[in-house]
Amino acid sequence: MEKQFTIKNPQGIHARPAGAIMKKATEYANAQIMLEFNGRKVSAKSITGVLTLGMKAGDIITVSAEGDQAAEAIDAVGAVLETVLD
């Protein structure tokens, strides 16, 4: 299952929001959560992977998940993607 979210943070996804994404994703230990952008797919549980996507404001990101609580995990990670963090 997957869902799309738009980056709202004017500075895009830098270290602090990437850390927040990773932290939220790790709350779902039994789910594999992936972020996809520009044909690249990385684990949402990897801060390095999240940062390598180079997501900027207005970019549309696909969040997918498999396993326990997949739908809940997608919505939770998506909410962080759409949050503005300095």
N, C-alpha and C. Protein backbone atom coordinates (compact mmCIF):
# COMPACT_ATOMS: atom_id res chain seq x y z
N MET A 1 0.84 -1.17 0.00
CA MET A 1 0.00 0.00 0.00
C MET A 1 0.88 1.23 0.00
N GLU A 2 0.41 2.28 -0.63
CA GLU A 2 1.19 3.51 -0.72
C GLU A 2 0.28 4.73 -0.81
N LYS A 3 0.89 5.89 -0.53
CA LYS A 3 0.16 7.14 -0.54
C LYS A 3 1.16 8.26 -0.85
N GLN A 4 0.67 9.35 -1.46
CA GLN A 4 1.56 10.46 -1.80
C GLN A 4 1.36 11.64 -0.86
N PHE A 5 2.47 12.32 -0.57
CA PHE A 5 2.47 13.48 0.32
C PHE A 5 3.33 14.57 -0.31
N THR A 6 3.01 15.83 0.02
CA THR A 6 3.76 16.98 -0.51
C THR A 6 4.60 17.59 0.60
N ILE A 7 5.86 17.87 0.28
CA ILE A 7 6.77 18.50 1.25
C ILE A 7 6.32 19.95 1.44
N LYS A 8 6.03 20.32 2.68
CA LYS A 8 5.55 21.67 2.99
C LYS A 8 6.66 22.57 3.56
N ASN A 9 7.71 21.96 4.10
CA ASN A 9 8.78 22.73 4.73
C ASN A 9 9.49 23.59 3.68
N PRO A 10 9.53 24.93 3.84
CA PRO A 10 10.17 25.80 2.85
C PRO A 10 11.64 25.47 2.60
N GLN A 11 12.32 24.92 3.61
CA GLN A 11 13.74 24.56 3.45
C GLN A 11 13.90 23.12 2.95
N GLY A 12 12.81 22.45 2.67
CA GLY A 12 12.90 21.05 2.23
C GLY A 12 13.23 20.14 3.40
N ILE A 13 13.70 18.94 3.07
CA ILE A 13 14.02 17.97 4.12
C ILE A 13 15.53 17.99 4.34
N HIS A 14 15.92 18.62 5.44
CA HIS A 14 17.32 18.66 5.86
C HIS A 14 17.46 17.81 7.11
N ALA A 15 18.55 17.93 7.84
CA ALA A 15 18.85 17.02 8.95
C ALA A 15 17.74 16.90 10.00
N ARG A 16 17.20 18.02 10.45
CA ARG A 16 16.19 17.95 11.53
C ARG A 16 14.91 17.24 11.08
N PRO A 17 14.30 17.65 9.96
CA PRO A 17 13.10 16.91 9.53
C PRO A 17 13.40 15.46 9.15
N ALA A 18 14.58 15.20 8.59
CA ALA A 18 14.94 13.82 8.24
C ALA A 18 15.01 12.97 9.51
N GLY A 19 15.54 13.55 10.59
CA GLY A 19 15.59 12.84 11.87
C GLY A 19 14.20 12.57 12.41
N ALA A 20 13.30 13.53 12.23
CA ALA A 20 11.92 13.35 12.69
C ALA A 20 11.21 12.26 11.89
N ILE A 21 11.48 12.19 10.59
CA ILE A 21 10.91 11.15 9.74
C ILE A 21 11.41 9.78 10.20
N MET A 22 12.72 9.67 10.40
CA MET A 22 13.31 8.41 10.83
C MET A 22 12.76 7.98 12.20
N LYS A 23 12.67 8.94 13.12
CA LYS A 23 12.17 8.63 14.46
C LYS A 23 10.73 8.11 14.40
N LYS A 24 9.88 8.76 13.61
CA LYS A 24 8.49 8.32 13.47
C LYS A 24 8.44 6.93 12.83
N ALA A 25 9.24 6.70 11.80
CA ALA A 25 9.23 5.40 11.11
C ALA A 25 9.67 4.27 12.03
N THR A 26 10.66 4.53 12.90
CA THR A 26 11.15 3.47 13.79
C THR A 26 10.13 3.11 14.87
N GLU A 27 9.11 3.95 15.07
CA GLU A 27 8.05 3.59 16.01
C GLU A 27 7.25 2.39 15.51
N TYR A 28 7.35 2.12 14.22
CA TYR A 28 6.63 0.99 13.61
C TYR A 28 7.65 -0.10 13.29
N ALA A 29 8.12 -0.76 14.34
CA ALA A 29 9.21 -1.73 14.23
C ALA A 29 8.90 -2.88 13.28
N ASN A 30 7.64 -3.28 13.20
CA ASN A 30 7.29 -4.44 12.38
C ASN A 30 6.82 -4.07 10.98
N ALA A 31 7.02 -2.82 10.59
CA ALA A 31 6.62 -2.39 9.24
C ALA A 31 7.86 -1.94 8.46
N GLN A 32 7.89 -2.29 7.20
CA GLN A 32 8.95 -1.81 6.31
C GLN A 32 8.37 -0.58 5.61
N ILE A 33 8.94 0.60 5.88
CA ILE A 33 8.42 1.85 5.36
C ILE A 33 9.44 2.44 4.39
N MET A 34 8.98 2.74 3.18
CA MET A 34 9.87 3.25 2.14
C MET A 34 9.40 4.62 1.65
N LEU A 35 10.36 5.46 1.28
CA LEU A 35 10.08 6.75 0.64
C LEU A 35 10.58 6.65 -0.79
N GLU A 36 9.78 7.14 -1.74
CA GLU A 36 10.18 7.11 -3.14
C GLU A 36 10.06 8.50 -3.74
N PHE A 37 11.13 8.91 -4.44
CA PHE A 37 11.16 10.22 -5.08
C PHE A 37 12.13 10.16 -6.25
N ASN A 38 11.72 10.69 -7.39
CA ASN A 38 12.56 10.72 -8.59
C ASN A 38 13.12 9.34 -8.95
N GLY A 39 12.31 8.31 -8.80
CA GLY A 39 12.74 6.97 -9.18
C GLY A 39 13.65 6.28 -8.19
N ARG A 40 13.94 6.93 -7.07
CA ARG A 40 14.79 6.32 -6.03
C ARG A 40 13.92 5.96 -4.84
N LYS A 41 14.24 4.83 -4.23
CA LYS A 41 13.46 4.34 -3.10
C LYS A 41 14.41 4.04 -1.94
N VAL A 42 14.11 4.60 -0.75
CA VAL A 42 14.96 4.39 0.43
C VAL A 42 14.09 4.06 1.64
N SER A 43 14.72 3.46 2.63
CA SER A 43 14.02 3.17 3.88
C SER A 43 13.80 4.47 4.65
N ALA A 44 12.59 4.65 5.17
CA ALA A 44 12.30 5.82 6.00
C ALA A 44 13.01 5.72 7.35
N LYS A 45 13.53 4.54 7.66
CA LYS A 45 14.22 4.33 8.93
C LYS A 45 15.72 4.65 8.84
N SER A 46 16.17 5.11 7.67
CA SER A 46 17.57 5.46 7.45
C SER A 46 17.69 6.96 7.22
N ILE A 47 18.30 7.66 8.19
CA ILE A 47 18.43 9.12 8.04
C ILE A 47 19.29 9.45 6.83
N THR A 48 20.32 8.66 6.58
CA THR A 48 21.17 8.89 5.42
C THR A 48 20.38 8.72 4.14
N GLY A 49 19.58 7.67 4.07
CA GLY A 49 18.74 7.42 2.90
C GLY A 49 17.77 8.56 2.66
N VAL A 50 17.13 9.01 3.74
CA VAL A 50 16.15 10.10 3.63
C VAL A 50 16.84 11.36 3.09
N LEU A 51 18.01 11.68 3.61
CA LEU A 51 18.72 12.88 3.18
C LEU A 51 19.18 12.79 1.72
N THR A 52 19.54 11.59 1.26
CA THR A 52 20.03 11.44 -0.11
C THR A 52 18.96 11.69 -1.17
N LEU A 53 17.69 11.68 -0.78
CA LEU A 53 16.62 11.95 -1.75
C LEU A 53 16.57 13.42 -2.16
N GLY A 54 17.13 14.30 -1.33
CA GLY A 54 17.18 15.72 -1.67
C GLY A 54 15.80 16.35 -1.87
N MET A 55 14.87 16.04 -0.98
CA MET A 55 13.50 16.53 -1.11
C MET A 55 13.40 18.02 -0.79
N LYS A 56 12.70 18.75 -1.65
CA LYS A 56 12.52 20.19 -1.49
C LYS A 56 11.04 20.53 -1.36
N ALA A 57 10.76 21.75 -0.92
CA ALA A 57 9.37 22.21 -0.78
C ALA A 57 8.63 22.02 -2.09
N GLY A 58 7.42 21.46 -2.00
CA GLY A 58 6.59 21.25 -3.18
C GLY A 58 6.77 19.89 -3.84
N ASP A 59 7.84 19.18 -3.49
CA ASP A 59 8.06 17.85 -4.05
C ASP A 59 6.99 16.89 -3.56
N ILE A 60 6.58 15.97 -4.43
CA ILE A 60 5.59 14.95 -4.06
C ILE A 60 6.33 13.64 -3.83
N ILE A 61 6.17 13.10 -2.63
CA ILE A 61 6.87 11.90 -2.19
C ILE A 61 5.86 10.76 -2.03
N THR A 62 6.23 9.58 -2.48
CA THR A 62 5.39 8.40 -2.28
C THR A 62 5.90 7.64 -1.06
N VAL A 63 5.02 7.39 -0.12
CA VAL A 63 5.35 6.61 1.07
C VAL A 63 4.64 5.28 0.93
N SER A 64 5.41 4.19 1.05
CA SER A 64 4.81 2.86 0.98
C SER A 64 5.22 2.07 2.21
N ALA A 65 4.41 1.08 2.56
CA ALA A 65 4.72 0.27 3.73
C ALA A 65 4.14 -1.12 3.58
N GLU A 66 4.81 -2.07 4.21
CA GLU A 66 4.34 -3.45 4.30
C GLU A 66 4.50 -3.89 5.74
N GLY A 67 3.67 -4.83 6.15
CA GLY A 67 3.78 -5.36 7.50
C GLY A 67 2.72 -4.83 8.43
N ASP A 68 2.95 -5.08 9.73
CA ASP A 68 1.99 -4.67 10.76
C ASP A 68 1.81 -3.15 10.75
N GLN A 69 0.58 -2.72 10.85
CA GLN A 69 0.23 -1.30 10.93
C GLN A 69 0.71 -0.49 9.73
N ALA A 70 0.76 -1.09 8.55
CA ALA A 70 1.27 -0.41 7.36
C ALA A 70 0.52 0.89 7.07
N ALA A 71 -0.81 0.85 7.08
CA ALA A 71 -1.60 2.05 6.77
C ALA A 71 -1.34 3.15 7.80
N GLU A 72 -1.30 2.78 9.06
CA GLU A 72 -1.04 3.76 10.13
C GLU A 72 0.37 4.34 9.99
N ALA A 73 1.33 3.50 9.65
CA ALA A 73 2.71 3.95 9.48
C ALA A 73 2.82 4.95 8.32
N ILE A 74 2.15 4.67 7.22
CA ILE A 74 2.17 5.58 6.06
C ILE A 74 1.60 6.94 6.45
N ASP A 75 0.47 6.96 7.14
CA ASP A 75 -0.14 8.23 7.54
C ASP A 75 0.75 9.00 8.53
N ALA A 76 1.38 8.29 9.45
CA ALA A 76 2.22 8.94 10.46
C ALA A 76 3.47 9.55 9.83
N VAL A 77 4.13 8.80 8.95
CA VAL A 77 5.33 9.32 8.28
C VAL A 77 4.93 10.45 7.32
N GLY A 78 3.81 10.29 6.64
CA GLY A 78 3.32 11.34 5.74
C GLY A 78 3.03 12.63 6.47
N ALA A 79 2.49 12.52 7.68
CA ALA A 79 2.20 13.72 8.48
C ALA A 79 3.48 14.46 8.80
N VAL A 80 4.57 13.73 9.08
CA VAL A 80 5.85 14.38 9.35
C VAL A 80 6.38 15.04 8.08
N LEU A 81 6.23 14.37 6.94
CA LEU A 81 6.66 14.95 5.66
C LEU A 81 5.96 16.28 5.38
N GLU A 82 4.71 16.39 5.80
CA GLU A 82 3.93 17.60 5.52
C GLU A 82 4.01 18.64 6.63
N THR A 83 4.82 18.39 7.66
CA THR A 83 4.98 19.31 8.77
C THR A 83 6.13 20.28 8.47
N VAL A 84 6.00 21.50 8.90
CA VAL A 84 7.08 22.48 8.74
C VAL A 84 7.93 22.47 10.00
N LEU A 85 9.18 22.02 9.85
CA LEU A 85 10.15 22.00 10.96
C LEU A 85 11.35 22.87 10.57
N ASP A 86 11.81 23.69 11.48
CA ASP A 86 12.99 24.53 11.19
C ASP A 86 14.25 23.71 11.19
